[in-house]
Protein backbone atom coordinates (compact mmCIF):
# COMPACT_ATOMS: atom_id res chain seq x y z
CA UNK A 1 6.17 103.77 32.78
CA UNK A 2 5.21 106.25 30.06
CA UNK A 3 8.88 106.68 29.18
CA UNK A 4 9.41 102.92 29.00
CA UNK A 5 6.33 102.46 26.83
CA UNK A 6 7.83 104.96 24.39
CA UNK A 7 11.18 103.15 24.47
CA UNK A 8 9.45 99.78 24.12
CA UNK A 9 7.74 100.89 20.92
CA UNK A 10 11.23 101.39 19.48
CA UNK A 11 12.78 98.25 20.97
CA UNK A 12 9.93 96.05 19.75
CA UNK A 13 10.64 97.13 16.17
CA UNK A 14 14.06 95.51 16.51
CA UNK A 15 14.84 91.81 16.30
CA UNK A 16 14.37 90.53 19.88
CA UNK A 17 17.96 89.35 20.20
CA UNK A 18 19.30 92.68 18.94
CA UNK A 19 17.06 94.49 21.43
CA UNK A 20 18.48 92.31 24.18
CA UNK A 21 22.04 93.18 23.16
CA UNK A 22 21.10 96.88 23.28
CA UNK A 23 19.69 96.47 26.79
CA UNK A 24 22.83 94.59 27.81
CA UNK A 25 25.01 97.39 26.47
CA UNK A 26 23.06 99.97 28.47
CA UNK A 27 23.17 97.97 31.70
CA UNK A 28 26.89 97.30 31.36
CA UNK A 29 27.49 101.01 30.76
CA UNK A 30 25.82 101.98 34.05
CA UNK A 31 29.06 101.22 35.85
CA UNK A 32 30.53 104.21 33.99
CA UNK A 33 27.47 106.42 34.51
CA UNK A 34 27.28 106.76 38.31
CA UNK A 35 24.70 109.55 38.27
CA UNK A 36 22.21 107.49 36.24
CA UNK A 37 23.09 104.29 38.09
CA UNK A 38 22.60 105.89 41.52
CA UNK A 39 19.37 107.58 40.47
CA UNK A 40 17.91 104.33 39.14
CA UNK A 41 18.96 102.48 42.30
CA UNK A 42 17.36 105.15 44.50
CA UNK A 43 14.13 104.95 42.53
CA UNK A 44 13.91 101.18 42.09
CA UNK A 45 15.61 99.48 45.04
CA UNK A 46 13.31 99.05 48.02
CA UNK A 47 14.84 98.95 51.50
CA UNK A 48 12.32 97.43 53.90
CA UNK A 49 13.17 95.11 56.78
CA UNK A 50 9.89 93.25 56.24
CA UNK A 51 11.30 91.86 52.97
CA UNK A 52 14.79 90.98 54.19
CA UNK A 53 15.59 87.27 54.66
CA UNK A 54 18.56 85.10 55.57
CA UNK A 55 18.64 82.15 53.16
CA UNK A 56 21.63 79.89 52.45
CA UNK A 57 23.50 81.89 55.13
CA UNK A 58 23.16 84.86 52.78
CA UNK A 59 21.12 88.05 53.17
CA UNK A 60 18.48 88.66 50.51
CA UNK A 61 17.31 92.28 50.85
CA UNK A 62 14.14 91.51 48.90
CA UNK A 63 12.71 88.28 47.46
CA UNK A 64 12.65 89.21 43.76
CA UNK A 65 15.52 87.97 41.58
CA UNK A 66 16.42 87.99 37.92
CA UNK A 67 15.95 84.54 36.39
CA UNK A 68 18.74 82.82 34.47
CA UNK A 69 18.93 83.44 30.74
CA UNK A 70 19.07 87.22 30.77
CA UNK A 71 22.65 87.64 31.97
CA UNK A 72 24.21 84.58 30.38
CA UNK A 73 27.85 85.52 31.00
CA UNK A 74 27.65 87.44 34.27
CA UNK A 75 28.40 90.75 32.56
CA UNK A 76 25.50 92.78 34.04
CA UNK A 77 25.73 91.92 37.73
CA UNK A 78 26.70 95.42 38.87
CA UNK A 79 23.53 96.89 37.35
CA UNK A 80 21.10 94.68 39.27
CA UNK A 81 20.48 97.15 42.16
CA UNK A 82 19.51 99.79 39.59
CA UNK A 83 16.64 97.52 38.52
CA UNK A 84 15.62 96.82 42.11
CA UNK A 85 16.55 93.13 42.24
CA UNK A 86 17.29 91.47 45.58
CA UNK A 87 19.51 88.90 43.86
CA UNK A 88 20.45 87.70 40.40
CA UNK A 89 21.08 84.37 38.69
CA UNK A 90 23.61 84.30 35.86
CA UNK A 91 23.99 81.71 33.10
CA UNK A 92 23.16 79.16 31.91
CA UNK A 93 26.89 78.64 31.51
CA UNK A 94 28.56 75.62 29.91
CA UNK A 95 32.18 74.41 30.22
CA UNK A 96 33.09 75.34 26.65
CA UNK A 97 31.88 78.44 24.80
CA UNK A 98 29.10 77.71 22.34
CA UNK A 99 27.18 79.74 19.76
CA UNK A 100 23.79 78.24 20.50
CA UNK A 101 21.15 77.42 17.91
CA UNK A 102 20.76 79.07 14.49
CA UNK A 103 19.10 82.50 14.32
CA UNK A 104 16.40 83.68 14.53
CA UNK A 105 15.92 82.00 17.90
CA UNK A 106 14.11 84.54 20.08
CA UNK A 107 10.53 85.59 19.37
CA UNK A 108 7.95 87.86 20.97
CA UNK A 109 4.27 87.05 21.41
CA UNK A 110 3.30 90.63 22.14
CA UNK A 111 -0.44 90.13 22.64
CA UNK A 112 0.22 87.37 25.16
CA UNK A 113 3.14 89.23 26.83
CA UNK A 114 5.27 86.14 26.32
CA UNK A 115 8.55 85.12 24.72
CA UNK A 116 9.62 82.01 22.86
CA UNK A 117 13.31 81.21 22.84
CA UNK A 118 15.40 78.52 21.20
CA UNK A 119 18.73 80.04 22.21
CA UNK A 120 20.49 76.77 23.04
CA UNK A 121 22.77 77.85 25.89
CA UNK A 122 24.68 80.41 23.84
CA UNK A 123 27.43 81.67 26.15
CA UNK A 124 31.13 82.49 26.33
CA UNK A 125 32.03 79.51 28.46
CA UNK A 126 33.19 78.71 31.97
CA UNK A 127 36.52 80.55 31.88
CA UNK A 128 34.94 83.83 30.78
CA UNK A 129 32.26 83.49 33.46
CA UNK A 130 34.98 82.90 36.03
CA UNK A 131 36.81 86.05 34.90
CA UNK A 132 33.60 88.09 35.06
CA UNK A 133 32.67 86.83 38.52
CA UNK A 134 36.16 87.50 39.88
CA UNK A 135 35.70 91.18 39.00
CA UNK A 136 32.55 91.64 41.10
CA UNK A 137 32.51 88.99 43.85
CA UNK A 138 31.96 89.65 46.72
CA UNK A 139 28.94 91.67 45.64
CA UNK A 140 26.29 93.57 47.58
CA UNK A 141 23.60 91.15 46.33
CA UNK A 142 23.56 87.32 46.23
CA UNK A 143 24.59 85.87 42.87
CA UNK A 144 23.43 82.42 41.77
CA UNK A 145 25.19 80.56 38.95
CA UNK A 146 23.07 78.40 36.63
CA UNK A 147 25.03 75.58 34.95
CA UNK A 148 24.38 73.24 32.02
CA UNK A 149 26.09 70.79 29.70
CA UNK A 150 27.50 71.56 26.28
CA UNK A 151 25.43 70.50 23.28
CA UNK A 152 28.23 68.25 22.05
CA UNK A 153 28.55 66.43 25.39
CA UNK A 154 26.83 63.06 25.37
CA UNK A 155 24.31 62.18 28.06
CA UNK A 156 26.77 59.57 29.27
CA UNK A 157 29.39 62.25 29.93
CA UNK A 158 27.00 65.01 31.02
CA UNK A 159 27.77 64.62 34.71
CA UNK A 160 31.40 65.56 34.02
CA UNK A 161 30.30 68.90 32.57
CA UNK A 162 28.29 69.75 35.68
CA UNK A 163 31.06 68.70 38.07
CA UNK A 164 33.65 70.67 36.11
CA UNK A 165 31.48 73.80 36.36
CA UNK A 166 30.90 73.34 40.07
CA UNK A 167 34.65 73.02 40.72
CA UNK A 168 35.43 76.17 38.75
CA UNK A 169 32.59 78.46 39.85
CA UNK A 170 31.34 77.44 43.30
CA UNK A 171 33.62 79.81 45.19
CA UNK A 172 32.16 82.81 43.35
CA UNK A 173 28.51 81.87 43.80
CA UNK A 174 25.92 82.33 46.55
CA UNK A 175 24.27 79.20 45.19
CA UNK A 176 24.47 76.94 42.11
CA UNK A 177 21.61 75.70 39.93
CA UNK A 178 21.58 72.43 38.01
CA UNK A 179 19.78 73.14 34.74
CA UNK A 180 18.54 69.96 33.09
CA UNK A 181 15.20 71.44 32.11
CA UNK A 182 15.86 73.69 29.13
CA UNK A 183 14.11 72.42 25.98
CA UNK A 184 16.77 73.91 23.71
CA UNK A 185 19.65 71.46 24.15
CA UNK A 186 18.89 68.08 22.53
CA UNK A 187 18.45 65.33 25.11
CA UNK A 188 18.88 67.65 28.11
CA UNK A 189 15.45 66.97 29.57
CA UNK A 190 16.19 63.25 29.34
CA UNK A 191 18.53 63.87 32.28
CA UNK A 192 15.46 64.54 34.43
CA UNK A 193 15.61 60.97 35.68
CA UNK A 194 16.30 59.35 39.02
CA UNK A 195 19.66 57.75 38.20
CA UNK A 196 21.21 60.94 36.87
CA UNK A 197 19.87 63.12 39.68
CA UNK A 198 21.04 60.72 42.38
CA UNK A 199 24.55 60.33 40.93
CA UNK A 200 24.96 64.03 40.20
CA UNK A 201 24.05 65.26 43.66
CA UNK A 202 26.12 62.60 45.42
CA UNK A 203 29.19 63.69 43.45
CA UNK A 204 28.41 67.43 43.51
CA UNK A 205 28.08 67.55 47.29
CA UNK A 206 31.61 66.18 47.57
CA UNK A 207 32.94 69.25 45.76
CA UNK A 208 31.36 72.18 47.60
CA UNK A 209 29.48 73.32 50.66
CA UNK A 210 27.68 75.93 48.60
CA UNK A 211 23.93 75.36 48.15
CA UNK A 212 23.02 73.46 44.98
CA UNK A 213 19.49 73.70 43.60
CA UNK A 214 17.63 71.79 40.91
CA UNK A 215 15.62 73.64 38.24
CA UNK A 216 12.78 71.64 36.68
CA UNK A 217 10.54 71.88 33.63
CA UNK A 218 6.81 72.68 33.78
CA UNK A 219 5.89 69.93 31.32
CA UNK A 220 6.17 66.95 33.64
CA UNK A 221 3.19 65.40 35.36
CA UNK A 222 2.90 66.75 38.93
CA UNK A 223 3.56 63.34 40.52
CA UNK A 224 6.66 62.91 38.34
CA UNK A 225 7.93 66.35 39.35
CA UNK A 226 7.29 65.61 43.03
CA UNK A 227 9.16 62.31 42.86
CA UNK A 228 12.13 63.82 41.05
CA UNK A 229 12.41 66.83 43.37
CA UNK A 230 12.00 64.68 46.48
CA UNK A 231 14.80 62.43 45.27
CA UNK A 232 17.05 65.43 44.61
CA UNK A 233 16.43 66.74 48.13
CA UNK A 234 17.09 63.28 49.59
CA UNK A 235 20.51 63.24 47.90
CA UNK A 236 21.54 66.74 48.87
CA UNK A 237 19.72 69.38 46.81
CA UNK A 238 19.33 72.53 48.90
CA UNK A 239 16.35 73.80 46.97
CA UNK A 240 14.08 73.56 43.95
CA UNK A 241 13.45 76.18 41.26
CA UNK A 242 10.15 75.70 39.45
CA UNK A 243 9.87 76.22 36.56
CA UNK A 244 11.78 76.59 33.31
CA UNK A 245 10.08 77.37 29.97
CA UNK A 246 7.34 75.21 28.46
CA UNK A 247 7.04 73.38 25.14
CA UNK A 248 3.24 73.54 25.30
CA UNK A 249 2.80 75.58 22.12
CA UNK A 250 -0.98 75.63 22.49
CA UNK A 251 -0.55 78.49 24.99
CA UNK A 252 0.03 81.10 22.26
CA UNK A 253 -1.89 81.93 19.10
CA UNK A 254 1.01 81.86 16.65
CA UNK A 255 3.76 79.66 18.09
CA UNK A 256 7.04 78.88 16.44
CA UNK A 257 7.96 75.22 16.08
CA UNK A 258 11.05 75.42 18.29
CA UNK A 259 12.07 76.61 21.72
CA UNK A 260 10.45 77.16 25.06
CA UNK A 261 7.75 79.66 25.98
CA UNK A 262 7.97 81.99 28.96
CA UNK A 263 5.93 84.94 30.16
CA UNK A 264 2.31 85.55 31.06
CA UNK A 265 0.93 82.44 29.32
CA UNK A 266 3.15 80.23 31.51
CA UNK A 267 1.63 81.60 34.72
CA UNK A 268 -0.98 78.90 35.44
CA UNK A 269 1.10 75.96 34.23
CA UNK A 270 4.13 77.03 36.27
CA UNK A 271 2.08 77.62 39.40
CA UNK A 272 0.38 74.23 39.09
CA UNK A 273 3.72 72.41 39.15
CA UNK A 274 5.14 74.67 41.86
CA UNK A 275 2.08 74.21 44.04
CA UNK A 276 2.25 70.42 43.71
CA UNK A 277 5.92 70.38 44.68
CA UNK A 278 5.34 72.78 47.56
CA UNK A 279 2.62 70.56 49.03
CA UNK A 280 5.24 67.86 49.39
CA UNK A 281 8.46 69.81 50.04
CA UNK A 282 7.46 73.02 51.84
CA UNK A 283 9.54 73.28 55.04
CA UNK A 284 11.77 70.43 53.79
CA UNK A 285 13.81 72.60 51.41
CA UNK A 286 14.03 76.10 49.95
CA UNK A 287 11.58 76.73 47.12
CA UNK A 288 11.94 79.37 44.41
CA UNK A 289 9.08 80.09 42.01
CA UNK A 290 9.53 81.43 38.48
CA UNK A 291 7.30 81.49 35.41
CA UNK A 292 4.74 84.12 34.52
CA UNK A 293 5.30 86.31 37.58
CA UNK A 294 4.44 89.86 36.54
CA UNK A 295 2.91 91.57 39.59
CA UNK A 296 2.95 91.78 43.37
CA UNK A 297 -0.27 89.76 43.50
CA UNK A 298 1.26 86.89 41.53
CA UNK A 299 4.50 86.98 43.53
CA UNK A 300 2.50 86.97 46.77
CA UNK A 301 0.46 83.99 45.55
CA UNK A 302 3.68 82.02 45.03
CA UNK A 303 5.05 83.14 48.42
CA UNK A 304 1.90 82.08 50.26
CA UNK A 305 2.12 78.75 48.42
CA UNK A 306 5.61 78.20 49.85
CA UNK A 307 8.15 80.19 47.82
CA UNK A 308 10.87 81.90 49.84
CA UNK A 309 12.05 83.68 46.69
CA UNK A 310 10.64 84.45 43.25
CA UNK A 311 12.23 85.29 39.89
CA UNK A 312 11.18 87.31 36.84
CA UNK A 313 12.47 87.65 33.28
CA UNK A 314 9.89 88.01 30.49
CA UNK A 315 7.73 90.45 32.46
CA UNK A 316 10.74 92.75 32.73
CA UNK A 317 10.75 93.01 28.93
CA UNK A 318 7.06 93.83 28.71
CA UNK A 319 6.58 95.92 31.87
CA UNK A 320 9.91 97.72 32.10
CA UNK A 321 12.50 98.63 34.74
CA UNK A 322 9.94 99.68 37.38
CA UNK A 323 8.60 96.13 37.59
CA UNK A 324 10.68 94.91 40.53
CA UNK A 325 10.09 98.13 42.46
CA UNK A 326 6.35 97.78 41.96
CA UNK A 327 6.37 94.12 43.02
CA UNK A 328 8.28 94.87 46.21
CA UNK A 329 6.14 97.88 47.12
CA UNK A 330 3.05 95.80 46.43
CA UNK A 331 4.37 92.97 48.61
CA UNK A 332 4.79 95.28 51.60
CA UNK A 333 1.19 96.43 51.19
CA UNK A 334 -0.10 92.86 50.90
CA UNK A 335 1.84 91.81 54.00
CA UNK A 336 0.36 94.72 55.93
CA UNK A 337 -3.11 93.98 54.59
CA UNK A 338 -2.89 90.39 55.89
CA UNK A 339 -1.42 91.42 59.23
CA UNK A 340 2.03 89.94 58.61
CA UNK A 341 4.95 91.79 60.14
CA UNK A 342 7.54 90.00 58.03
CA UNK A 343 7.60 88.07 54.76
CA UNK A 344 8.60 84.91 56.64
CA UNK A 345 5.11 84.83 58.15
CA UNK A 346 3.53 84.82 54.68
CA UNK A 347 5.72 82.08 53.21
CA UNK A 348 3.59 78.94 53.05
CA UNK A 349 0.59 80.65 54.68
CA UNK A 350 -1.72 78.76 52.32
CA UNK A 351 -0.16 75.36 52.97
């Protein structure tokens, strides 16, 4: 941790997006540095049968995954064990490559341990993602693929973008995620409506047997979120991911006027929506919680509320590469403390 704090003092002097590119370069290089890669994996990856689960007919060795947005093009998948992750989610990917929104578009709120991003689905497109996935799949860890529409695609034609992505990428994914909850593509959150969800899942389920999940925003009213998620499950969604970033700029002292906020300040808001959804859908579908998770205690809180899996992103930036290790070690201690022999016993224990 001391070493990362020293490195962080350097990284945080850089523009956030440049720092991210530097981290990406390092993680991609681990494939050519087996000594460092193996050492990091030995130190960070926890093997404990109490944390192992079978979900979506796939083995998750631990419940902590990397949230979408970090590995947009699926170029860092091989490095995920070195950070301790039990699974990873790549994307958001769109059919056509796109540059995203004008820079600067990624900002740190250091005091609040939070990020604000207005990236706008910058990615190299579906064909490049397909090429990258072909190189690594099958992989030792589950790989989810998060999909979205291009900025230039009208809402009327949006469903075609999602279906095109499912056709191209489903065979390389452990699961797929429908992202209609990012605040950084104009009109995207307008797709969080009953007609679109119903039509999309009816058509999507015709294309693949792979699990398809819906990712929702934290800015809806709880009853609205419950209704939307329940409808998605009724029409074939295999799970819900709650939540994406928030546009509640009151959560930080010096917000920018664009983008979505993630990190520690999202913790309560994200849990509130997740908890409301879990009250209705626990045991009816698979639930994944993301937003402000930065410790074993917070991950355990989400698990006891009904989450089978959790995801982190912003906390990794602020806490460093030992984060996932520490969460998983902490989870084993919390399970033991509560007398649970396996994580499955803790899932939904507070419901």
